[in-house]
Amino acid sequence: GGKAIAVTFGVLLGIPDFNIVLAFAACIVIGALFIESDAWTIILGTAGTLAFQFVNHGASWETLLMTGILVILLTKHARDLRQLPGLHGRLYRWVQAARDG
């Protein structure tokens, strides 16, 4: 998950519209807080960024790029994505640890 996130950030930094990087970062943070699986977190980040891009700019080369990145990541993480994502992400574990003491 970490390498995929780093490479995707690197690719997105080359895009003139910096809002795409911010959308990706926000989706990754949300995924990391609530989803157990790193594979599902990167898919949420990419799919969320694709949705953001499509809503704000419609069909554009950036939207096509995000679609291509999503297809690559879906292919790369296919085995890990067969299992549904658990919703006991880092936030849940932090709350449990704080409660347990």
N, C-alpha and C. Protein backbone atom coordinates (compact mmCIF):
# COMPACT_ATOMS: atom_id res chain seq x y z
N GLY A 1 0.81 -1.20 0.00
CA GLY A 1 0.00 0.00 0.00
C GLY A 1 0.84 1.25 0.00
N GLY A 2 1.95 1.27 0.75
CA GLY A 2 2.76 2.47 0.87
C GLY A 2 3.43 2.90 -0.42
N LYS A 3 3.95 1.92 -1.16
CA LYS A 3 4.60 2.25 -2.43
C LYS A 3 3.59 2.79 -3.43
N ALA A 4 2.40 2.18 -3.47
CA ALA A 4 1.37 2.64 -4.40
C ALA A 4 0.94 4.06 -4.09
N ILE A 5 0.84 4.37 -2.81
CA ILE A 5 0.46 5.73 -2.40
C ILE A 5 1.55 6.72 -2.80
N ALA A 6 2.79 6.37 -2.54
CA ALA A 6 3.91 7.27 -2.86
C ALA A 6 4.02 7.51 -4.36
N VAL A 7 3.91 6.47 -5.14
CA VAL A 7 4.00 6.63 -6.60
C VAL A 7 2.84 7.45 -7.13
N THR A 8 1.64 7.19 -6.62
CA THR A 8 0.47 7.95 -7.07
C THR A 8 0.61 9.42 -6.70
N PHE A 9 1.08 9.71 -5.48
CA PHE A 9 1.34 11.10 -5.10
C PHE A 9 2.35 11.73 -6.06
N GLY A 10 3.40 11.02 -6.39
CA GLY A 10 4.41 11.54 -7.30
C GLY A 10 3.83 11.89 -8.66
N VAL A 11 2.99 11.02 -9.18
CA VAL A 11 2.34 11.28 -10.48
C VAL A 11 1.43 12.50 -10.37
N LEU A 12 0.65 12.57 -9.30
CA LEU A 12 -0.31 13.67 -9.14
C LEU A 12 0.39 15.01 -8.92
N LEU A 13 1.58 14.99 -8.34
CA LEU A 13 2.31 16.25 -8.16
C LEU A 13 2.70 16.89 -9.48
N GLY A 14 2.76 16.09 -10.54
CA GLY A 14 3.08 16.63 -11.86
C GLY A 14 1.91 17.30 -12.56
N ILE A 15 0.72 17.20 -11.97
CA ILE A 15 -0.47 17.80 -12.57
C ILE A 15 -0.58 19.25 -12.08
N PRO A 16 -0.83 20.19 -13.00
CA PRO A 16 -0.89 21.60 -12.60
C PRO A 16 -1.98 21.92 -11.57
N ASP A 17 -3.09 21.18 -11.58
CA ASP A 17 -4.19 21.44 -10.64
C ASP A 17 -3.87 20.76 -9.31
N PHE A 18 -3.41 21.54 -8.34
CA PHE A 18 -2.98 20.99 -7.06
C PHE A 18 -4.16 20.44 -6.23
N ASN A 19 -5.39 20.84 -6.58
CA ASN A 19 -6.57 20.34 -5.86
C ASN A 19 -6.70 18.82 -5.97
N ILE A 20 -6.18 18.26 -7.04
CA ILE A 20 -6.22 16.80 -7.21
C ILE A 20 -5.38 16.14 -6.13
N VAL A 21 -4.21 16.69 -5.85
CA VAL A 21 -3.35 16.13 -4.80
C VAL A 21 -4.03 16.25 -3.44
N LEU A 22 -4.67 17.38 -3.18
CA LEU A 22 -5.36 17.57 -1.91
C LEU A 22 -6.53 16.60 -1.76
N ALA A 23 -7.27 16.38 -2.85
CA ALA A 23 -8.38 15.43 -2.81
C ALA A 23 -7.88 14.02 -2.55
N PHE A 24 -6.79 13.65 -3.20
CA PHE A 24 -6.20 12.33 -2.99
C PHE A 24 -5.74 12.17 -1.54
N ALA A 25 -5.06 13.18 -1.02
CA ALA A 25 -4.58 13.12 0.36
C ALA A 25 -5.75 12.98 1.34
N ALA A 26 -6.81 13.75 1.12
CA ALA A 26 -7.97 13.68 2.00
C ALA A 26 -8.61 12.30 1.96
N CYS A 27 -8.75 11.73 0.77
CA CYS A 27 -9.35 10.39 0.64
C CYS A 27 -8.46 9.32 1.27
N ILE A 28 -7.16 9.46 1.13
CA ILE A 28 -6.23 8.50 1.74
C ILE A 28 -6.33 8.57 3.27
N VAL A 29 -6.37 9.77 3.82
CA VAL A 29 -6.48 9.92 5.27
C VAL A 29 -7.78 9.32 5.78
N ILE A 30 -8.88 9.59 5.10
CA ILE A 30 -10.17 9.01 5.49
C ILE A 30 -10.10 7.49 5.44
N GLY A 31 -9.53 6.97 4.35
CA GLY A 31 -9.40 5.53 4.23
C GLY A 31 -8.52 4.93 5.31
N ALA A 32 -7.41 5.59 5.61
CA ALA A 32 -6.49 5.08 6.62
C ALA A 32 -7.13 5.08 8.01
N LEU A 33 -8.00 6.04 8.26
CA LEU A 33 -8.65 6.10 9.57
C LEU A 33 -9.74 5.04 9.74
N PHE A 34 -10.43 4.70 8.66
CA PHE A 34 -11.61 3.86 8.80
C PHE A 34 -11.52 2.47 8.18
N ILE A 35 -10.54 2.22 7.32
CA ILE A 35 -10.45 0.94 6.62
C ILE A 35 -9.20 0.20 7.07
N GLU A 36 -9.35 -1.10 7.34
CA GLU A 36 -8.21 -1.92 7.79
C GLU A 36 -7.19 -2.16 6.68
N SER A 37 -7.65 -2.49 5.50
CA SER A 37 -6.79 -2.93 4.41
C SER A 37 -6.15 -1.76 3.66
N ASP A 38 -4.82 -1.82 3.52
CA ASP A 38 -4.12 -0.77 2.76
C ASP A 38 -4.53 -0.78 1.29
N ALA A 39 -4.81 -1.97 0.75
CA ALA A 39 -5.22 -2.06 -0.66
C ALA A 39 -6.54 -1.31 -0.87
N TRP A 40 -7.49 -1.49 0.04
CA TRP A 40 -8.76 -0.78 -0.09
C TRP A 40 -8.59 0.71 0.15
N THR A 41 -7.64 1.09 0.99
CA THR A 41 -7.39 2.51 1.24
C THR A 41 -6.90 3.20 -0.02
N ILE A 42 -5.96 2.58 -0.74
CA ILE A 42 -5.45 3.20 -1.97
C ILE A 42 -6.54 3.25 -3.04
N ILE A 43 -7.41 2.25 -3.08
CA ILE A 43 -8.51 2.26 -4.04
C ILE A 43 -9.50 3.37 -3.69
N LEU A 44 -9.81 3.53 -2.39
CA LEU A 44 -10.68 4.63 -1.98
C LEU A 44 -10.07 5.97 -2.35
N GLY A 45 -8.78 6.13 -2.11
CA GLY A 45 -8.12 7.39 -2.44
C GLY A 45 -8.19 7.70 -3.92
N THR A 46 -7.94 6.70 -4.74
CA THR A 46 -7.95 6.91 -6.19
C THR A 46 -9.37 7.11 -6.72
N ALA A 47 -10.30 6.28 -6.26
CA ALA A 47 -11.69 6.40 -6.72
C ALA A 47 -12.31 7.73 -6.24
N GLY A 48 -11.99 8.11 -5.01
CA GLY A 48 -12.50 9.39 -4.50
C GLY A 48 -11.95 10.57 -5.28
N THR A 49 -10.67 10.49 -5.62
CA THR A 49 -10.06 11.56 -6.42
C THR A 49 -10.64 11.59 -7.82
N LEU A 50 -10.90 10.42 -8.39
CA LEU A 50 -11.53 10.35 -9.71
C LEU A 50 -12.92 10.98 -9.67
N ALA A 51 -13.70 10.68 -8.64
CA ALA A 51 -15.03 11.28 -8.51
C ALA A 51 -14.93 12.80 -8.34
N PHE A 52 -14.00 13.25 -7.50
CA PHE A 52 -13.78 14.69 -7.32
C PHE A 52 -13.43 15.36 -8.64
N GLN A 53 -12.52 14.74 -9.36
CA GLN A 53 -12.07 15.29 -10.64
C GLN A 53 -13.21 15.35 -11.64
N PHE A 54 -14.00 14.28 -11.71
CA PHE A 54 -15.09 14.24 -12.68
C PHE A 54 -16.16 15.28 -12.35
N VAL A 55 -16.49 15.43 -11.07
CA VAL A 55 -17.50 16.41 -10.66
C VAL A 55 -17.04 17.82 -10.95
N ASN A 56 -15.77 18.11 -10.69
CA ASN A 56 -15.27 19.47 -10.85
C ASN A 56 -14.84 19.84 -12.27
N HIS A 57 -14.39 18.86 -13.05
CA HIS A 57 -13.85 19.18 -14.37
C HIS A 57 -14.46 18.35 -15.50
N GLY A 58 -15.32 17.41 -15.18
CA GLY A 58 -15.91 16.57 -16.22
C GLY A 58 -14.87 15.70 -16.89
N ALA A 59 -15.13 15.37 -18.12
CA ALA A 59 -14.19 14.53 -18.88
C ALA A 59 -13.01 15.39 -19.31
N SER A 60 -11.85 15.07 -18.75
CA SER A 60 -10.63 15.81 -19.09
C SER A 60 -9.47 14.82 -19.09
N TRP A 61 -8.29 15.29 -19.46
CA TRP A 61 -7.16 14.38 -19.47
C TRP A 61 -6.80 13.95 -18.05
N GLU A 62 -7.06 14.82 -17.05
CA GLU A 62 -6.79 14.43 -15.67
C GLU A 62 -7.73 13.31 -15.22
N THR A 63 -8.98 13.38 -15.65
CA THR A 63 -9.95 12.33 -15.33
C THR A 63 -9.52 11.02 -15.99
N LEU A 64 -9.08 11.10 -17.22
CA LEU A 64 -8.58 9.90 -17.91
C LEU A 64 -7.35 9.34 -17.21
N LEU A 65 -6.45 10.21 -16.75
CA LEU A 65 -5.27 9.77 -16.02
C LEU A 65 -5.67 9.04 -14.73
N MET A 66 -6.60 9.61 -13.97
CA MET A 66 -7.04 8.97 -12.72
C MET A 66 -7.72 7.63 -13.01
N THR A 67 -8.45 7.54 -14.11
CA THR A 67 -9.07 6.28 -14.48
C THR A 67 -7.99 5.24 -14.78
N GLY A 68 -6.96 5.64 -15.50
CA GLY A 68 -5.85 4.73 -15.79
C GLY A 68 -5.13 4.28 -14.52
N ILE A 69 -4.89 5.21 -13.60
CA ILE A 69 -4.25 4.85 -12.34
C ILE A 69 -5.12 3.88 -11.56
N LEU A 70 -6.43 4.13 -11.55
CA LEU A 70 -7.35 3.24 -10.84
C LEU A 70 -7.33 1.83 -11.44
N VAL A 71 -7.32 1.73 -12.76
CA VAL A 71 -7.27 0.42 -13.41
C VAL A 71 -5.97 -0.31 -13.05
N ILE A 72 -4.86 0.40 -13.07
CA ILE A 72 -3.57 -0.20 -12.72
C ILE A 72 -3.59 -0.71 -11.27
N LEU A 73 -4.10 0.12 -10.36
CA LEU A 73 -4.13 -0.27 -8.95
C LEU A 73 -5.09 -1.43 -8.69
N LEU A 74 -6.24 -1.42 -9.39
CA LEU A 74 -7.17 -2.54 -9.24
C LEU A 74 -6.54 -3.85 -9.70
N THR A 75 -5.78 -3.77 -10.78
CA THR A 75 -5.10 -4.96 -11.29
C THR A 75 -4.00 -5.40 -10.33
N LYS A 76 -3.21 -4.45 -9.86
CA LYS A 76 -2.08 -4.77 -8.98
C LYS A 76 -2.55 -5.36 -7.65
N HIS A 77 -3.64 -4.86 -7.11
CA HIS A 77 -4.12 -5.27 -5.79
C HIS A 77 -5.31 -6.23 -5.86
N ALA A 78 -5.52 -6.86 -7.01
CA ALA A 78 -6.70 -7.71 -7.21
C ALA A 78 -6.83 -8.78 -6.12
N ARG A 79 -5.74 -9.42 -5.77
CA ARG A 79 -5.80 -10.49 -4.76
C ARG A 79 -6.25 -9.94 -3.40
N ASP A 80 -5.71 -8.79 -3.01
CA ASP A 80 -6.06 -8.20 -1.71
C ASP A 80 -7.48 -7.65 -1.69
N LEU A 81 -8.01 -7.30 -2.86
CA LEU A 81 -9.35 -6.71 -2.93
C LEU A 81 -10.46 -7.76 -2.94
N ARG A 82 -10.10 -9.03 -3.00
CA ARG A 82 -11.13 -10.09 -2.98
C ARG A 82 -11.84 -10.14 -1.65
N GLN A 83 -11.14 -9.75 -0.60
CA GLN A 83 -11.76 -9.71 0.73
C GLN A 83 -12.34 -8.31 0.94
N LEU A 84 -13.57 -8.25 1.42
CA LEU A 84 -14.20 -6.96 1.67
C LEU A 84 -13.43 -6.20 2.75
N PRO A 85 -13.42 -4.88 2.64
CA PRO A 85 -12.64 -4.11 3.61
C PRO A 85 -13.30 -4.12 4.99
N GLY A 86 -12.49 -4.34 6.01
CA GLY A 86 -13.00 -4.21 7.37
C GLY A 86 -13.01 -2.75 7.76
N LEU A 87 -13.97 -2.38 8.54
CA LEU A 87 -14.08 -0.97 8.94
C LEU A 87 -13.51 -0.74 10.34
N HIS A 88 -12.54 -1.53 10.73
CA HIS A 88 -11.84 -1.33 11.99
C HIS A 88 -10.45 -0.78 11.70
N GLY A 89 -10.43 0.40 11.13
CA GLY A 89 -9.17 1.03 10.75
C GLY A 89 -8.44 1.59 11.95
N ARG A 90 -7.50 2.44 11.68
CA ARG A 90 -6.63 2.99 12.71
C ARG A 90 -7.40 3.76 13.78
N LEU A 91 -8.41 4.53 13.40
CA LEU A 91 -9.19 5.30 14.37
C LEU A 91 -9.88 4.36 15.35
N TYR A 92 -10.47 3.29 14.86
CA TYR A 92 -11.13 2.30 15.72
C TYR A 92 -10.12 1.69 16.69
N ARG A 93 -8.95 1.32 16.17
CA ARG A 93 -7.93 0.70 17.02
C ARG A 93 -7.40 1.68 18.07
N TRP A 94 -7.27 2.96 17.71
CA TRP A 94 -6.82 3.97 18.68
C TRP A 94 -7.84 4.14 19.80
N VAL A 95 -9.11 4.18 19.43
CA VAL A 95 -10.16 4.34 20.43
C VAL A 95 -10.19 3.11 21.34
N GLN A 96 -10.08 1.93 20.76
CA GLN A 96 -10.05 0.69 21.56
C GLN A 96 -8.87 0.69 22.51
N ALA A 97 -7.68 1.09 22.04
CA ALA A 97 -6.49 1.10 22.88
C ALA A 97 -6.64 2.11 24.01
N ALA A 98 -7.22 3.25 23.72
CA ALA A 98 -7.42 4.27 24.75
C ALA A 98 -8.42 3.79 25.80
N ARG A 99 -9.45 3.11 25.34
CA ARG A 99 -10.48 2.61 26.25
C ARG A 99 -9.93 1.48 27.12
N ASP A 100 -9.09 0.62 26.54
CA ASP A 100 -8.53 -0.52 27.27
C ASP A 100 -7.38 -0.11 28.19
N GLY A 101 -6.87 1.06 27.94
CA GLY A 101 -5.92 1.60 28.85
C GLY A 101 -4.51 1.44 28.67
